[in-house]
């Protein structure tokens, strides 16, 4: 049942991951977070997919964490089961091998903005509203809204939303660099598709490597350096020479080729 909460579709080189709780403006609860994690695993394993969209069904992109899902939790469960789970899932999105585009066809608030921040790019329709309203109900952004969002958008923009209580228009978010592209209402997916076609036409391995290198510089992915270095070594004769020597119980003859 939980997988019905997040839909995965593929269209050529494009993978579309869609939150499917339109009656809740795609607010996130624990089953939805877990379903999203499974869909991200599936789309990363799809070798033909070169670009991934994160979308919301209906009128909203994502209204953030479902208040009904977390408000009754104990302090311990809130920390260990809610906050940590959200971090794991959003980190999974940020470290996806493919470039990702969040398509903001509606409001992205609280955890919804944190979800969008975990994507590489954001396309917003002009009617969308963007913000971190958590302090208005006595909580703080808990899924890296004060960490990843600051690294990607700048501290002052996050202060305006998380402390100053501003809910930004898509145009203001674009001017602040929070949103990368604007689209007319109803045209967000089309704008994202046009951008994805450009990305997908580029060298897929070079694109993935560039994404990892940027993640290293940004402090986003500590494992990326290991992945890049291991991939380089795996293409050399030294790896085969070492493995063969190990199996044959002899000293390897490395050639640096």
Protein backbone atom coordinates (compact mmCIF):
# COMPACT_ATOMS: atom_id res chain seq x y z
CA UNK A 1 0.00 0.00 0.00
CA UNK A 2 2.80 2.41 0.91
CA UNK A 3 4.31 2.24 -2.58
CA UNK A 4 1.08 3.73 -3.92
CA UNK A 5 2.04 6.84 -2.01
CA UNK A 6 4.96 7.50 -4.35
CA UNK A 7 4.76 6.70 -8.05
CA UNK A 8 7.72 6.03 -10.35
CA UNK A 9 7.39 6.37 -14.12
CA UNK A 10 10.11 6.19 -16.75
CA UNK A 11 10.04 7.85 -20.16
CA UNK A 12 13.20 7.20 -22.14
CA UNK A 13 16.08 8.80 -20.23
CA UNK A 14 13.69 10.44 -17.75
CA UNK A 15 12.53 9.07 -14.40
CA UNK A 16 9.56 10.79 -12.74
CA UNK A 17 9.07 10.27 -9.00
CA UNK A 18 5.72 11.65 -7.83
CA UNK A 19 4.34 12.10 -4.32
CA UNK A 20 0.73 10.90 -4.39
CA UNK A 21 -1.13 12.40 -1.43
CA UNK A 22 -2.98 15.22 -3.20
CA UNK A 23 -5.68 15.32 -0.53
CA UNK A 24 -2.91 16.33 1.92
CA UNK A 25 -1.04 18.53 -0.59
CA UNK A 26 1.54 15.72 -0.63
CA UNK A 27 2.48 16.19 3.01
CA UNK A 28 5.03 13.65 4.17
CA UNK A 29 4.40 10.97 6.76
CA UNK A 30 6.51 7.96 7.69
CA UNK A 31 4.99 5.55 5.11
CA UNK A 32 5.46 8.17 2.38
CA UNK A 33 9.08 8.79 3.35
CA UNK A 34 9.81 5.06 3.27
CA UNK A 35 8.05 4.69 -0.09
CA UNK A 36 10.09 7.62 -1.45
CA UNK A 37 13.31 5.91 -0.36
CA UNK A 38 12.31 2.73 -2.23
CA UNK A 39 11.45 4.67 -5.38
CA UNK A 40 14.82 6.46 -5.28
CA UNK A 41 16.58 3.09 -5.05
CA UNK A 42 14.58 1.87 -8.03
CA UNK A 43 15.20 4.89 -10.22
CA UNK A 44 18.94 4.92 -9.49
CA UNK A 45 19.12 1.26 -10.55
CA UNK A 46 17.43 2.06 -13.89
CA UNK A 47 20.47 2.32 -16.16
CA UNK A 48 18.59 4.10 -18.95
CA UNK A 49 17.49 6.95 -16.68
CA UNK A 50 19.75 10.02 -16.90
CA UNK A 51 17.59 12.69 -15.25
CA UNK A 52 15.10 12.35 -12.37
CA UNK A 53 12.14 14.61 -11.58
CA UNK A 54 10.65 14.97 -8.10
CA UNK A 55 7.01 16.01 -8.46
CA UNK A 56 3.82 16.35 -6.44
CA UNK A 57 0.41 15.18 -7.60
CA UNK A 58 -2.43 17.68 -7.71
CA UNK A 59 -2.24 21.34 -6.73
CA UNK A 60 0.74 21.25 -4.37
CA UNK A 61 4.36 20.14 -4.64
CA UNK A 62 4.71 19.27 -0.96
CA UNK A 63 3.25 20.92 2.13
CA UNK A 64 6.04 19.51 4.31
CA UNK A 65 5.75 17.11 7.21
CA UNK A 66 2.22 15.97 7.98
CA UNK A 67 1.44 17.56 11.36
CA UNK A 68 -0.86 14.67 12.25
CA UNK A 69 2.04 12.26 11.67
CA UNK A 70 4.56 13.88 14.01
CA UNK A 71 2.67 15.97 16.57
CA UNK A 72 1.66 12.99 18.73
CA UNK A 73 5.17 11.48 18.82
CA UNK A 74 7.20 11.45 22.01
CA UNK A 75 10.32 13.62 22.06
CA UNK A 76 12.47 10.52 21.59
CA UNK A 77 10.42 9.16 18.69
CA UNK A 78 10.27 12.61 17.10
CA UNK A 79 14.05 12.75 17.10
CA UNK A 80 14.89 9.15 16.22
CA UNK A 81 11.99 8.04 14.04
CA UNK A 82 10.90 11.29 12.39
CA UNK A 83 13.89 13.59 12.04
CA UNK A 84 16.46 10.89 11.36
CA UNK A 85 14.25 9.12 8.83
CA UNK A 86 13.66 12.34 6.92
CA UNK A 87 17.39 13.05 6.87
CA UNK A 88 18.19 9.59 5.53
CA UNK A 89 15.65 9.88 2.73
CA UNK A 90 16.60 13.43 1.72
CA UNK A 91 20.31 12.52 1.82
CA UNK A 92 19.46 9.60 -0.47
CA UNK A 93 17.91 12.05 -2.93
CA UNK A 94 20.85 14.46 -2.71
CA UNK A 95 23.29 11.63 -3.47
CA UNK A 96 21.36 10.08 -6.33
CA UNK A 97 23.74 9.41 -9.21
CA UNK A 98 21.48 11.14 -11.75
CA UNK A 99 20.88 14.89 -11.89
CA UNK A 100 17.57 15.73 -10.23
CA UNK A 101 15.01 18.45 -10.84
CA UNK A 102 12.28 19.33 -8.34
CA UNK A 103 9.21 20.47 -10.26
CA UNK A 104 7.36 22.91 -8.01
CA UNK A 105 3.91 22.87 -9.56
CA UNK A 106 2.54 24.22 -6.29
CA UNK A 107 3.65 25.35 -2.85
CA UNK A 108 6.88 24.00 -1.33
CA UNK A 109 6.75 24.69 2.39
CA UNK A 110 8.75 23.40 5.35
CA UNK A 111 9.79 19.84 4.63
CA UNK A 112 8.59 20.35 1.07
CA UNK A 113 11.22 23.03 0.56
CA UNK A 114 13.81 20.82 2.27
CA UNK A 115 12.88 18.09 -0.21
CA UNK A 116 13.27 20.50 -3.12
CA UNK A 117 16.61 21.69 -1.72
CA UNK A 118 17.93 18.13 -1.87
CA UNK A 119 17.44 18.14 -5.65
CA UNK A 120 20.10 19.59 -7.95
CA UNK A 121 17.72 22.05 -9.62
CA UNK A 122 14.31 23.56 -9.04
CA UNK A 123 11.71 24.66 -11.60
CA UNK A 124 8.81 26.59 -10.06
CA UNK A 125 5.50 27.64 -11.52
CA UNK A 126 4.84 31.32 -10.88
CA UNK A 127 1.95 30.80 -8.49
CA UNK A 128 4.01 28.62 -6.12
CA UNK A 129 4.83 29.84 -2.62
CA UNK A 130 8.07 28.86 -0.90
CA UNK A 131 9.03 29.07 2.76
CA UNK A 132 9.99 27.62 6.13
CA UNK A 133 6.97 28.31 8.38
CA UNK A 134 7.99 25.91 11.18
CA UNK A 135 8.82 28.47 13.87
CA UNK A 136 5.27 29.78 13.58
CA UNK A 137 4.05 26.58 15.23
CA UNK A 138 6.94 26.24 17.66
CA UNK A 139 9.27 23.88 15.82
CA UNK A 140 12.35 24.32 13.62
CA UNK A 141 13.19 23.04 10.14
CA UNK A 142 14.36 19.53 10.95
CA UNK A 143 15.30 17.95 7.64
CA UNK A 144 18.34 20.12 6.87
CA UNK A 145 16.47 23.35 6.27
CA UNK A 146 19.11 25.16 8.31
CA UNK A 147 22.02 23.15 6.88
CA UNK A 148 21.70 22.05 3.27
CA UNK A 149 19.40 24.96 2.47
CA UNK A 150 21.94 27.43 3.84
CA UNK A 151 24.74 25.86 1.79
CA UNK A 152 22.67 25.96 -1.36
CA UNK A 153 20.64 29.15 -1.00
CA UNK A 154 22.68 31.28 1.39
CA UNK A 155 22.12 32.03 5.05
CA UNK A 156 20.25 35.31 4.58
CA UNK A 157 17.58 33.82 2.34
CA UNK A 158 17.00 31.06 4.90
CA UNK A 159 16.90 33.61 7.74
CA UNK A 160 14.18 35.53 5.94
CA UNK A 161 12.05 32.41 5.74
CA UNK A 162 12.88 30.48 8.94
CA UNK A 163 13.26 33.44 11.32
CA UNK A 164 11.55 36.33 9.54
CA UNK A 165 8.54 34.25 8.58
CA UNK A 166 8.57 35.30 4.91
CA UNK A 167 6.72 33.12 2.45
CA UNK A 168 8.36 33.88 -0.87
CA UNK A 169 6.75 34.11 -4.25
CA UNK A 170 8.32 32.04 -7.00
CA UNK A 171 9.66 35.25 -8.58
CA UNK A 172 11.38 36.30 -5.36
CA UNK A 173 12.77 32.80 -4.88
CA UNK A 174 14.12 32.95 -8.42
CA UNK A 175 15.79 36.31 -7.75
CA UNK A 176 17.41 34.85 -4.60
CA UNK A 177 18.70 31.78 -6.45
CA UNK A 178 16.45 29.35 -4.60
CA UNK A 179 14.63 28.53 -7.83
CA UNK A 180 16.60 28.00 -11.05
CA UNK A 181 13.82 28.45 -13.60
CA UNK A 182 10.30 29.87 -13.65
CA UNK A 183 7.33 28.57 -15.59
CA UNK A 184 3.78 29.70 -16.12
CA UNK A 185 1.08 27.93 -14.13
CA UNK A 186 0.63 24.43 -15.52
CA UNK A 187 3.88 24.58 -17.52
CA UNK A 188 6.39 23.47 -14.91
CA UNK A 189 6.68 19.90 -16.12
CA UNK A 190 7.08 21.03 -19.73
CA UNK A 191 9.85 23.48 -18.75
CA UNK A 192 11.58 20.75 -16.73
CA UNK A 193 11.32 18.30 -19.64
CA UNK A 194 13.02 20.77 -21.98
CA UNK A 195 15.85 21.23 -19.50
CA UNK A 196 16.12 17.48 -18.89
CA UNK A 197 16.51 16.86 -22.63
CA UNK A 198 19.57 19.12 -22.66
CA UNK A 199 21.06 17.37 -19.61
CA UNK A 200 20.34 13.87 -20.95
CA UNK A 201 22.10 14.67 -24.23
CA UNK A 202 25.38 15.28 -22.42
CA UNK A 203 27.84 12.53 -21.54
CA UNK A 204 26.11 10.54 -18.79
CA UNK A 205 29.26 9.35 -17.02
CA UNK A 206 30.86 12.79 -17.21
CA UNK A 207 27.65 14.33 -15.88
CA UNK A 208 27.52 11.91 -12.96
CA UNK A 209 31.21 12.56 -12.22
CA UNK A 210 30.66 16.33 -12.34
CA UNK A 211 27.73 15.98 -9.93
CA UNK A 212 29.89 14.02 -7.48
CA UNK A 213 32.78 16.48 -7.75
CA UNK A 214 30.44 19.37 -6.97
CA UNK A 215 29.02 17.38 -4.04
CA UNK A 216 32.54 16.93 -2.66
CA UNK A 217 33.22 20.67 -2.92
CA UNK A 218 29.87 21.43 -1.29
CA UNK A 219 30.44 18.98 1.57
CA UNK A 220 27.31 17.10 0.49
CA UNK A 221 28.67 13.60 -0.11
CA UNK A 222 31.67 12.20 1.75
CA UNK A 223 31.48 8.94 -0.22
CA UNK A 224 31.75 10.63 -3.61
CA UNK A 225 35.56 10.83 -3.49
CA UNK A 226 35.77 7.10 -2.81
CA UNK A 227 33.37 6.39 -5.67
CA UNK A 228 35.33 8.48 -8.15
CA UNK A 229 38.73 7.13 -7.10
CA UNK A 230 37.52 3.52 -7.04
CA UNK A 231 35.96 3.88 -10.48
CA UNK A 232 39.21 5.27 -11.89
CA UNK A 233 41.30 2.46 -10.38
CA UNK A 234 38.82 -0.18 -11.59
CA UNK A 235 39.51 0.87 -15.19
CA UNK A 236 43.24 0.25 -14.89
CA UNK A 237 45.27 -2.89 -15.40
CA UNK A 238 46.63 -2.55 -11.87
CA UNK A 239 43.37 -3.74 -10.36
CA UNK A 240 43.32 -6.89 -12.49
CA UNK A 241 47.01 -7.51 -11.81
CA UNK A 242 46.45 -7.21 -8.08
CA UNK A 243 43.36 -9.44 -8.02
CA UNK A 244 45.01 -12.11 -10.19
CA UNK A 245 48.11 -12.11 -7.99
CA UNK A 246 45.99 -12.44 -4.85
CA UNK A 247 44.15 -15.44 -6.27
CA UNK A 248 47.37 -17.07 -7.49
CA UNK A 249 49.18 -16.34 -4.20
CA UNK A 250 52.09 -14.46 -5.80
CA UNK A 251 53.47 -10.94 -5.79
CA UNK A 252 51.59 -8.61 -8.19
CA UNK A 253 53.35 -7.06 -11.18
CA UNK A 254 51.84 -3.58 -11.32
CA UNK A 255 52.39 -1.57 -14.49
CA UNK A 256 50.56 1.72 -13.77
CA UNK A 257 48.44 1.23 -16.90
